[in-house]
C-alpha atoms as a PDB file:
ATOM      1  CA  UNK A   1      18.635   4.474   7.010  1.00  0.00           C
ATOM      2  CA  UNK A   2      20.138   7.131   8.928  1.00  0.00           C
ATOM      3  CA  UNK A   3      18.390  10.568   9.103  1.00  0.00           C
ATOM      4  CA  UNK A   4      21.358  12.389   9.508  1.00  0.00           C
ATOM      5  CA  UNK A   5      21.910  15.165   7.265  1.00  0.00           C
ATOM      6  CA  UNK A   6      18.354  15.632   6.653  1.00  0.00           C
ATOM      7  CA  UNK A   7      17.302  19.311   5.608  1.00  0.00           C
ATOM      8  CA  UNK A   8      15.694  20.921   8.366  1.00  0.00           C
ATOM      9  CA  UNK A   9      13.047  23.583   7.255  1.00  0.00           C
ATOM     10  CA  UNK A  10      13.236  26.066   9.935  1.00  0.00           C
ATOM     11  CA  UNK A  11      15.671  29.185   9.810  1.00  0.00           C
ATOM     12  CA  UNK A  12      14.466  32.347  10.799  1.00  0.00           C
ATOM     13  CA  UNK A  13      14.996  34.207   7.681  1.00  0.00           C
ATOM     14  CA  UNK A  14      12.886  35.463   4.558  1.00  0.00           C
ATOM     15  CA  UNK A  15      14.312  32.968   2.228  1.00  0.00           C
ATOM     16  CA  UNK A  16      13.332  30.063   4.890  1.00  0.00           C
ATOM     17  CA  UNK A  17       9.773  31.409   5.261  1.00  0.00           C
ATOM     18  CA  UNK A  18       9.347  31.497   1.557  1.00  0.00           C
ATOM     19  CA  UNK A  19      10.706  27.689   1.262  1.00  0.00           C
ATOM     20  CA  UNK A  20       8.364  26.823   4.355  1.00  0.00           C
ATOM     21  CA  UNK A  21       5.213  28.358   2.543  1.00  0.00           C
ATOM     22  CA  UNK A  22       6.042  26.545  -0.869  1.00  0.00           C
ATOM     23  CA  UNK A  23       6.546  23.230   0.679  1.00  0.00           C
ATOM     24  CA  UNK A  24       3.155  23.796   2.761  1.00  0.00           C
ATOM     25  CA  UNK A  25       1.356  24.440  -0.683  1.00  0.00           C
ATOM     26  CA  UNK A  26       3.067  21.223  -1.970  1.00  0.00           C
ATOM     27  CA  UNK A  27       1.045  19.031   0.595  1.00  0.00           C
ATOM     28  CA  UNK A  28      -1.980  21.420   1.326  1.00  0.00           C
ATOM     29  CA  UNK A  29      -4.157  19.420  -1.031  1.00  0.00           C
ATOM     30  CA  UNK A  30      -3.818  16.343   0.863  1.00  0.00           C
ATOM     31  CA  UNK A  31      -7.352  15.282   2.667  1.00  0.00           C
ATOM     32  CA  UNK A  32      -5.112  15.307   6.118  1.00  0.00           C
ATOM     33  CA  UNK A  33      -5.163  19.083   5.829  1.00  0.00           C
ATOM     34  CA  UNK A  34      -8.474  19.932   4.662  1.00  0.00           C
ATOM     35  CA  UNK A  35      -9.707  22.815   6.251  1.00  0.00           C
ATOM     36  CA  UNK A  36      -6.749  22.860   8.684  1.00  0.00           C
ATOM     37  CA  UNK A  37      -5.565  26.425  10.069  1.00  0.00           C
ATOM     38  CA  UNK A  38      -2.581  27.680   8.403  1.00  0.00           C
ATOM     39  CA  UNK A  39      -1.033  27.842  11.525  1.00  0.00           C
ATOM     40  CA  UNK A  40      -1.052  24.397  11.926  1.00  0.00           C
ATOM     41  CA  UNK A  41       0.177  23.584   8.754  1.00  0.00           C
ATOM     42  CA  UNK A  42       3.278  25.996   8.799  1.00  0.00           C
ATOM     43  CA  UNK A  43       4.157  24.857  12.240  1.00  0.00           C
ATOM     44  CA  UNK A  44       4.388  21.354  11.080  1.00  0.00           C
ATOM     45  CA  UNK A  45       6.137  22.386   7.953  1.00  0.00           C
ATOM     46  CA  UNK A  46       8.806  24.322  10.289  1.00  0.00           C
ATOM     47  CA  UNK A  47       9.428  20.882  12.311  1.00  0.00           C
ATOM     48  CA  UNK A  48       9.972  18.941   9.339  1.00  0.00           C
ATOM     49  CA  UNK A  49      12.673  17.824   6.982  1.00  0.00           C
ATOM     50  CA  UNK A  50      12.438  18.219   3.193  1.00  0.00           C
ATOM     51  CA  UNK A  51      14.467  15.347   1.511  1.00  0.00           C
ATOM     52  CA  UNK A  52      15.132  14.050  -1.794  1.00  0.00           C
ATOM     53  CA  UNK A  53      16.302  10.116  -2.040  1.00  0.00           C
ATOM     54  CA  UNK A  54      17.644   8.159  -4.844  1.00  0.00           C
ATOM     55  CA  UNK A  55      15.913   4.906  -6.083  1.00  0.00           C
ATOM     56  CA  UNK A  56      16.011   1.875  -3.725  1.00  0.00           C
ATOM     57  CA  UNK A  57      16.821   3.730  -0.461  1.00  0.00           C
ATOM     58  CA  UNK A  58      15.214   2.178   2.377  1.00  0.00           C
ATOM     59  CA  UNK A  59      13.546   4.836   4.439  1.00  0.00           C
ATOM     60  CA  UNK A  60      12.347   3.126   7.447  1.00  0.00           C
ATOM     61  CA  UNK A  61      12.301  -0.436   8.637  1.00  0.00           C
ATOM     62  CA  UNK A  62       9.750  -2.551  10.327  1.00  0.00           C
ATOM     63  CA  UNK A  63       9.783  -2.902  13.875  1.00  0.00           C
ATOM     64  CA  UNK A  64      11.829   0.403  14.383  1.00  0.00           C
ATOM     65  CA  UNK A  65      10.393   3.498  16.431  1.00  0.00           C
ATOM     66  CA  UNK A  66       7.946   5.762  14.263  1.00  0.00           C
ATOM     67  CA  UNK A  67       9.713   8.928  14.521  1.00  0.00           C
ATOM     68  CA  UNK A  68       8.297  10.557  11.298  1.00  0.00           C
ATOM     69  CA  UNK A  69       5.030  10.753   9.438  1.00  0.00           C
ATOM     70  CA  UNK A  70       6.344  10.521   5.680  1.00  0.00           C
ATOM     71  CA  UNK A  71       4.723  12.526   2.924  1.00  0.00           C
ATOM     72  CA  UNK A  72       5.714  11.442  -0.770  1.00  0.00           C
ATOM     73  CA  UNK A  73       5.700  14.698  -2.807  1.00  0.00           C
ATOM     74  CA  UNK A  74       7.626  13.525  -5.702  1.00  0.00           C
ATOM     75  CA  UNK A  75       8.360   9.835  -6.996  1.00  0.00           C
ATOM     76  CA  UNK A  76       7.209   6.543  -5.756  1.00  0.00           C
ATOM     77  CA  UNK A  77       7.517   4.689  -2.429  1.00  0.00           C
ATOM     78  CA  UNK A  78       6.876   0.695  -1.770  1.00  0.00           C
ATOM     79  CA  UNK A  79       5.796  -0.322   1.436  1.00  0.00           C
ATOM     80  CA  UNK A  80       6.693  -3.803   2.354  1.00  0.00           C
ATOM     81  CA  UNK A  81       6.960  -6.337   5.076  1.00  0.00           C
ATOM     82  CA  UNK A  82       8.605  -9.732   5.589  1.00  0.00           C
ATOM     83  CA  UNK A  83       8.700 -12.678   7.599  1.00  0.00           C
ATOM     84  CA  UNK A  84      10.359 -16.407   7.372  1.00  0.00           C
ATOM     85  CA  UNK A  85      12.619 -15.061   4.431  1.00  0.00           C
ATOM     86  CA  UNK A  86       9.519 -14.032   2.477  1.00  0.00           C
ATOM     87  CA  UNK A  87       8.673 -10.478   1.526  1.00  0.00           C
ATOM     88  CA  UNK A  88       5.400  -9.149   0.408  1.00  0.00           C
ATOM     89  CA  UNK A  89       4.519  -5.694  -1.304  1.00  0.00           C
ATOM     90  CA  UNK A  90       1.852  -3.972   0.920  1.00  0.00           C
ATOM     91  CA  UNK A  91       1.307  -0.733  -1.173  1.00  0.00           C
ATOM     92  CA  UNK A  92       2.717   1.758  -3.535  1.00  0.00           C
ATOM     93  CA  UNK A  93       2.519   5.249  -2.754  1.00  0.00           C
ATOM     94  CA  UNK A  94       2.734   8.217  -5.222  1.00  0.00           C
ATOM     95  CA  UNK A  95       2.326  11.938  -4.854  1.00  0.00           C
ATOM     96  CA  UNK A  96       0.931  13.455  -2.780  1.00  0.00           C
ATOM     97  CA  UNK A  97       0.446  10.925  -0.172  1.00  0.00           C
ATOM     98  CA  UNK A  98       1.206  10.003   3.571  1.00  0.00           C
ATOM     99  CA  UNK A  99       2.018   6.576   4.740  1.00  0.00           C
ATOM    100  CA  UNK A 100       2.085   4.734   8.073  1.00  0.00           C
ATOM    101  CA  UNK A 101       0.235   7.383   9.788  1.00  0.00           C
ATOM    102  CA  UNK A 102      -1.350   5.149  12.523  1.00  0.00           C
ATOM    103  CA  UNK A 103       2.279   4.291  13.953  1.00  0.00           C
ATOM    104  CA  UNK A 104       3.119   7.882  14.353  1.00  0.00           C
ATOM    105  CA  UNK A 105      -0.381   8.628  15.860  1.00  0.00           C
ATOM    106  CA  UNK A 106       0.170   5.701  18.578  1.00  0.00           C
ATOM    107  CA  UNK A 107       3.853   6.145  18.910  1.00  0.00           C
ATOM    108  CA  UNK A 108       4.259   2.572  18.118  1.00  0.00           C
ATOM    109  CA  UNK A 109       6.638   0.791  15.891  1.00  0.00           C
ATOM    110  CA  UNK A 110       6.445   0.661  12.011  1.00  0.00           C
ATOM    111  CA  UNK A 111       4.637  -2.426  10.926  1.00  0.00           C
ATOM    112  CA  UNK A 112       6.100  -1.887   7.517  1.00  0.00           C
ATOM    113  CA  UNK A 113       8.997  -0.979   5.667  1.00  0.00           C
ATOM    114  CA  UNK A 114       9.225   1.407   3.152  1.00  0.00           C
ATOM    115  CA  UNK A 115      11.596   2.028   0.009  1.00  0.00           C
ATOM    116  CA  UNK A 116      12.138   4.348  -2.957  1.00  0.00           C
ATOM    117  CA  UNK A 117      11.525   2.902  -6.239  1.00  0.00           C
ATOM    118  CA  UNK A 118      12.705   5.963  -8.150  1.00  0.00           C
ATOM    119  CA  UNK A 119      14.136   9.306  -7.307  1.00  0.00           C
ATOM    120  CA  UNK A 120      11.831  10.463  -4.771  1.00  0.00           C
ATOM    121  CA  UNK A 121      11.335  13.773  -2.409  1.00  0.00           C
ATOM    122  CA  UNK A 122       9.836  12.832   1.008  1.00  0.00           C
ATOM    123  CA  UNK A 123       8.749  15.369   3.437  1.00  0.00           C
ATOM    124  CA  UNK A 124       9.368  13.852   7.016  1.00  0.00           C
ATOM    125  CA  UNK A 125       6.881  15.420   9.959  1.00  0.00           C
ATOM    126  CA  UNK A 126       8.502  14.441  13.499  1.00  0.00           C
ATOM    127  CA  UNK A 127       5.859  12.426  15.242  1.00  0.00           C
ATOM    128  CA  UNK A 128       5.786  14.144  18.246  1.00  0.00           C
ATOM    129  CA  UNK A 129       4.787  17.117  16.641  1.00  0.00           C
ATOM    130  CA  UNK A 130       2.056  15.664  14.757  1.00  0.00           C
ATOM    131  CA  UNK A 131       0.657  14.431  17.998  1.00  0.00           C
ATOM    132  CA  UNK A 132       0.792  18.038  19.296  1.00  0.00           C
ATOM    133  CA  UNK A 133      -0.873  19.198  16.119  1.00  0.00           C
ATOM    134  CA  UNK A 134      -3.823  16.540  16.667  1.00  0.00           C
ATOM    135  CA  UNK A 135      -4.154  17.806  20.342  1.00  0.00           C
ATOM    136  CA  UNK A 136      -4.322  21.577  19.510  1.00  0.00           C
ATOM    137  CA  UNK A 137      -6.100  21.552  16.235  1.00  0.00           C
ATOM    138  CA  UNK A 138      -9.713  19.988  16.224  1.00  0.00           C
ATOM    139  CA  UNK A 139     -10.183  19.977  12.434  1.00  0.00           C
ATOM    140  CA  UNK A 140      -6.835  18.272  12.081  1.00  0.00           C
ATOM    141  CA  UNK A 141      -7.709  15.786  14.765  1.00  0.00           C
ATOM    142  CA  UNK A 142     -10.807  15.165  12.657  1.00  0.00           C
ATOM    143  CA  UNK A 143      -9.084  14.780   9.421  1.00  0.00           C
ATOM    144  CA  UNK A 144      -6.513  12.297  10.956  1.00  0.00           C
ATOM    145  CA  UNK A 145      -9.495  10.207  12.365  1.00  0.00           C
ATOM    146  CA  UNK A 146     -11.168  10.074   8.715  1.00  0.00           C
ATOM    147  CA  UNK A 147      -7.786   9.208   7.472  1.00  0.00           C
ATOM    148  CA  UNK A 148      -7.363   6.158   9.765  1.00  0.00           C
ATOM    149  CA  UNK A 149     -10.839   4.846   9.338  1.00  0.00           C
ATOM    150  CA  UNK A 150     -10.498   4.963   5.538  1.00  0.00           C
ATOM    151  CA  UNK A 151      -7.284   2.814   5.701  1.00  0.00           C
ATOM    152  CA  UNK A 152      -8.944   0.418   8.058  1.00  0.00           C
ATOM    153  CA  UNK A 153     -11.734   0.197   5.600  1.00  0.00           C
ATOM    154  CA  UNK A 154      -9.150  -0.407   2.609  1.00  0.00           C
ATOM    155  CA  UNK A 155      -7.540  -2.829   4.706  1.00  0.00           C
ATOM    156  CA  UNK A 156     -10.432  -4.743   5.341  1.00  0.00           C
ATOM    157  CA  UNK A 157     -11.460  -5.075   1.510  1.00  0.00           C
ATOM    158  CA  UNK A 158      -8.230  -5.963   0.787  1.00  0.00           C
ATOM    159  CA  UNK A 159      -8.187  -8.994   3.359  1.00  0.00           C
ATOM    160  CA  UNK A 160     -11.647 -10.005   2.016  1.00  0.00           C
ATOM    161  CA  UNK A 161     -10.080  -9.966  -1.635  1.00  0.00           C
ATOM    162  CA  UNK A 162      -7.603 -12.242  -0.795  1.00  0.00           C
ATOM    163  CA  UNK A 163      -9.639 -14.436   1.198  1.00  0.00           C
ATOM    164  CA  UNK A 164     -12.664 -14.604  -0.978  1.00  0.00           C
ATOM    165  CA  UNK A 165     -11.381 -14.496  -4.377  1.00  0.00           C
ATOM    166  CA  UNK A 166      -9.469 -17.108  -6.330  1.00  0.00           C
ATOM    167  CA  UNK A 167      -6.430 -15.796  -8.348  1.00  0.00           C
ATOM    168  CA  UNK A 168      -8.154 -15.085 -11.760  1.00  0.00           C
ATOM    169  CA  UNK A 169     -10.988 -13.624 -10.154  1.00  0.00           C
ATOM    170  CA  UNK A 170      -8.470 -11.328  -7.984  1.00  0.00           C
ATOM    171  CA  UNK A 171      -6.612 -10.227 -11.024  1.00  0.00           C
ATOM    172  CA  UNK A 172      -9.892  -9.502 -13.022  1.00  0.00           C
ATOM    173  CA  UNK A 173     -11.434  -7.540 -10.322  1.00  0.00           C
ATOM    174  CA  UNK A 174      -8.226  -5.380  -9.990  1.00  0.00           C
ATOM    175  CA  UNK A 175      -8.100  -4.757 -13.625  1.00  0.00           C
ATOM    176  CA  UNK A 176     -11.655  -3.880 -13.968  1.00  0.00           C
ATOM    177  CA  UNK A 177     -11.285  -1.560 -10.956  1.00  0.00           C
ATOM    178  CA  UNK A 178      -8.479   0.427 -12.529  1.00  0.00           C
ATOM    179  CA  UNK A 179     -10.693   0.545 -16.095  1.00  0.00           C
ATOM    180  CA  UNK A 180     -13.602   2.145 -13.704  1.00  0.00           C
ATOM    181  CA  UNK A 181     -11.218   4.715 -12.115  1.00  0.00           C
ATOM    182  CA  UNK A 182     -10.620   5.956 -15.624  1.00  0.00           C
ATOM    183  CA  UNK A 183     -14.122   6.341 -16.627  1.00  0.00           C
ATOM    184  CA  UNK A 184     -14.535   2.628 -18.085  1.00  0.00           C
ATOM    185  CA  UNK A 185     -11.387   3.108 -20.236  1.00  0.00           C
ATOM    186  CA  UNK A 186     -11.218   0.183 -22.502  1.00  0.00           C
ATOM    187  CA  UNK A 187      -7.359   0.260 -22.352  1.00  0.00           C
ATOM    188  CA  UNK A 188      -4.727   1.455 -19.737  1.00  0.00           C
ATOM    189  CA  UNK A 189      -1.179   0.952 -18.611  1.00  0.00           C
ATOM    190  CA  UNK A 190      -0.466  -0.928 -15.544  1.00  0.00           C
ATOM    191  CA  UNK A 191       0.978   1.645 -12.839  1.00  0.00           C
ATOM    192  CA  UNK A 192       3.637  -0.635 -11.246  1.00  0.00           C
ATOM    193  CA  UNK A 193       5.952  -3.671 -12.483  1.00  0.00           C
ATOM    194  CA  UNK A 194       4.265  -6.904 -12.623  1.00  0.00           C
ATOM    195  CA  UNK A 195       6.465  -8.113  -9.717  1.00  0.00           C
ATOM    196  CA  UNK A 196       4.954  -5.752  -7.429  1.00  0.00           C
ATOM    197  CA  UNK A 197       1.506  -6.188  -8.526  1.00  0.00           C
ATOM    198  CA  UNK A 198       2.021 -10.031  -7.985  1.00  0.00           C
ATOM    199  CA  UNK A 199       3.333  -9.408  -4.392  1.00  0.00           C
ATOM    200  CA  UNK A 200       0.482  -7.136  -3.391  1.00  0.00           C
ATOM    201  CA  UNK A 201      -1.984  -9.388  -4.768  1.00  0.00           C
ATOM    202  CA  UNK A 202      -0.636 -12.492  -2.515  1.00  0.00           C
ATOM    203  CA  UNK A 203       0.877 -14.612  -5.677  1.00  0.00           C
ATOM    204  CA  UNK A 204       4.150 -15.363  -7.577  1.00  0.00           C
ATOM    205  CA  UNK A 205       5.119 -13.558 -10.585  1.00  0.00           C
ATOM    206  CA  UNK A 206       4.294 -16.460 -12.178  1.00  0.00           C
ATOM    207  CA  UNK A 207       0.849 -17.388 -11.011  1.00  0.00           C
ATOM    208  CA  UNK A 208       0.404 -13.522 -12.165  1.00  0.00           C
ATOM    209  CA  UNK A 209       1.510 -14.300 -15.480  1.00  0.00           C
ATOM    210  CA  UNK A 210      -0.681 -17.396 -15.991  1.00  0.00           C
ATOM    211  CA  UNK A 211      -3.553 -15.747 -14.665  1.00  0.00           C
ATOM    212  CA  UNK A 212      -3.048 -12.711 -16.881  1.00  0.00           C
ATOM    213  CA  UNK A 213      -2.708 -14.901 -19.934  1.00  0.00           C
ATOM    214  CA  UNK A 214      -5.681 -16.604 -19.038  1.00  0.00           C
ATOM    215  CA  UNK A 215      -8.091 -13.627 -19.309  1.00  0.00           C
ATOM    216  CA  UNK A 216      -7.765 -13.340 -22.911  1.00  0.00           C
ATOM    217  CA  UNK A 217     -10.780 -15.973 -22.946  1.00  0.00           C
ATOM    218  CA  UNK A 218     -12.761 -13.895 -20.822  1.00  0.00           C
ATOM    219  CA  UNK A 219     -12.438 -10.383 -22.636  1.00  0.00           C
ATOM    220  CA  UNK A 220      -9.271  -8.917 -21.574  1.00  0.00           C
ATOM    221  CA  UNK A 221      -5.893  -8.919 -23.426  1.00  0.00           C
ATOM    222  CA  UNK A 222      -2.485  -8.211 -22.002  1.00  0.00           C
ATOM    223  CA  UNK A 223       0.303  -6.781 -23.884  1.00  0.00           C
ATOM    224  CA  UNK A 224       3.174  -6.104 -21.747  1.00  0.00           C
ATOM    225  CA  UNK A 225       2.053  -3.522 -19.349  1.00  0.00           C
ATOM    226  CA  UNK A 226      -0.954  -2.787 -21.551  1.00  0.00           C
ATOM    227  CA  UNK A 227      -4.434  -3.964 -20.587  1.00  0.00           C
ATOM    228  CA  UNK A 228      -6.931  -3.918 -23.485  1.00  0.00           C
ATOM    229  CA  UNK A 229     -10.720  -5.077 -22.530  1.00  0.00           C
ATOM    230  CA  UNK A 230     -11.986  -6.448 -25.476  1.00  0.00           C
ATOM    231  CA  UNK A 231     -15.364  -7.805 -24.122  1.00  0.00           C
ATOM    232  CA  UNK A 232     -16.604  -5.485 -21.060  1.00  0.00           C
ATOM    233  CA  UNK A 233     -19.649  -7.909 -20.283  1.00  0.00           C
ATOM    234  CA  UNK A 234     -17.756 -11.086 -20.267  1.00  0.00           C
ATOM    235  CA  UNK A 235     -14.811  -9.442 -18.003  1.00  0.00           C
ATOM    236  CA  UNK A 236     -17.118  -7.828 -15.631  1.00  0.00           C
ATOM    237  CA  UNK A 237     -18.967 -11.374 -15.225  1.00  0.00           C
ATOM    238  CA  UNK A 238     -15.909 -13.035 -14.111  1.00  0.00           C
ATOM    239  CA  UNK A 239     -14.558 -10.132 -11.989  1.00  0.00           C
ATOM    240  CA  UNK A 240     -17.930  -9.916 -10.136  1.00  0.00           C
ATOM    241  CA  UNK A 241     -17.434  -6.439  -8.431  1.00  0.00           C
ATOM    242  CA  UNK A 242     -19.081  -5.768  -5.223  1.00  0.00           C
ATOM    243  CA  UNK A 243     -19.194  -2.652  -3.300  1.00  0.00           C
ATOM    244  CA  UNK A 244     -18.452  -4.693  -0.238  1.00  0.00           C
ATOM    245  CA  UNK A 245     -15.176  -5.856  -1.647  1.00  0.00           C
ATOM    246  CA  UNK A 246     -14.261  -3.195  -4.003  1.00  0.00           C
ATOM    247  CA  UNK A 247     -15.875   0.193  -3.115  1.00  0.00           C
ATOM    248  CA  UNK A 248     -17.476   2.732  -3.591  1.00  0.00           C
ATOM    249  CA  UNK A 249     -15.450   4.186  -0.688  1.00  0.00           C
ATOM    250  CA  UNK A 250     -13.018   6.834  -1.876  1.00  0.00           C
ATOM    251  CA  UNK A 251      -9.505   5.931  -1.217  1.00  0.00           C
ATOM    252  CA  UNK A 252      -7.858   7.358   2.005  1.00  0.00           C
ATOM    253  CA  UNK A 253      -4.727   9.458   0.637  1.00  0.00           C
ATOM    254  CA  UNK A 254      -2.380   7.354   3.075  1.00  0.00           C
ATOM    255  CA  UNK A 255      -2.977   4.304   0.680  1.00  0.00           C
ATOM    256  CA  UNK A 256      -2.584   1.801   3.503  1.00  0.00           C
ATOM    257  CA  UNK A 257      -3.091  -1.004   1.365  1.00  0.00           C
ATOM    258  CA  UNK A 258      -3.405   0.213  -1.954  1.00  0.00           C
ATOM    259  CA  UNK A 259      -1.595   0.825  -5.358  1.00  0.00           C
ATOM    260  CA  UNK A 260      -1.066   4.091  -7.553  1.00  0.00           C
ATOM    261  CA  UNK A 261      -3.926   4.876  -9.982  1.00  0.00           C
ATOM    262  CA  UNK A 262      -3.415   3.536 -13.671  1.00  0.00           C
ATOM    263  CA  UNK A 263      -2.643   5.889 -16.546  1.00  0.00           C
ATOM    264  CA  UNK A 264      -5.126   5.572 -19.672  1.00  0.00           C
ATOM    265  CA  UNK A 265      -3.862   4.338 -22.858  1.00  0.00           C
ATOM    266  CA  UNK A 266      -6.817   4.648 -25.326  1.00  0.00           C
END
């Protein structure tokens, strides 16, 4: 997409000052800005663009220059990549989260594309201003380092999951992790469409559907987007969660390779 017409956040008047401070408050809880000086945050907000997009708008394309760091304030954004006429979901980002921080830090091309899945509000911070803030604010620089390290560890776990588990084990482990994130909830709603989940987990929608149906004999029942764990001990035996594959590291807010959290159902 073109950035023509983006709403720049920096007219020097009282109304604009209030708008800038409001936007800063929207993103202040991000780990990236934890303990960062107000002056640094406000400077980044003044340099940025606050924009709303309808569903299914491509925000960035793989291989293009990383001119902006994106912060999803409202809505939902899919990160995806393509090669040889194939396409794969890499992550689905929900508020409040950044995405593709590494490209902005390194002034390198994006390795993924991004598109909105629903009406979304996205804050775009120019990468040059981001790098200047890293150079001038030690706390911000440490936060960026921690964020990138978290994303790297998340990526390694995702790669291990794809290589070391078969389809049923992969699906079971994902579902059990979602249950644990909700305090071992026996039921929850899948946070994304099954099509996106299948692509993220490296399988076709048909293979995912077969795997989900087969889990009934291992203590997990599926009803549309609704997941019900009927025999936790049996299901845990199949999933065989491991701290080296599944955590306990907290997820980086950039969500480099992840999906949104589920919603409890029971």
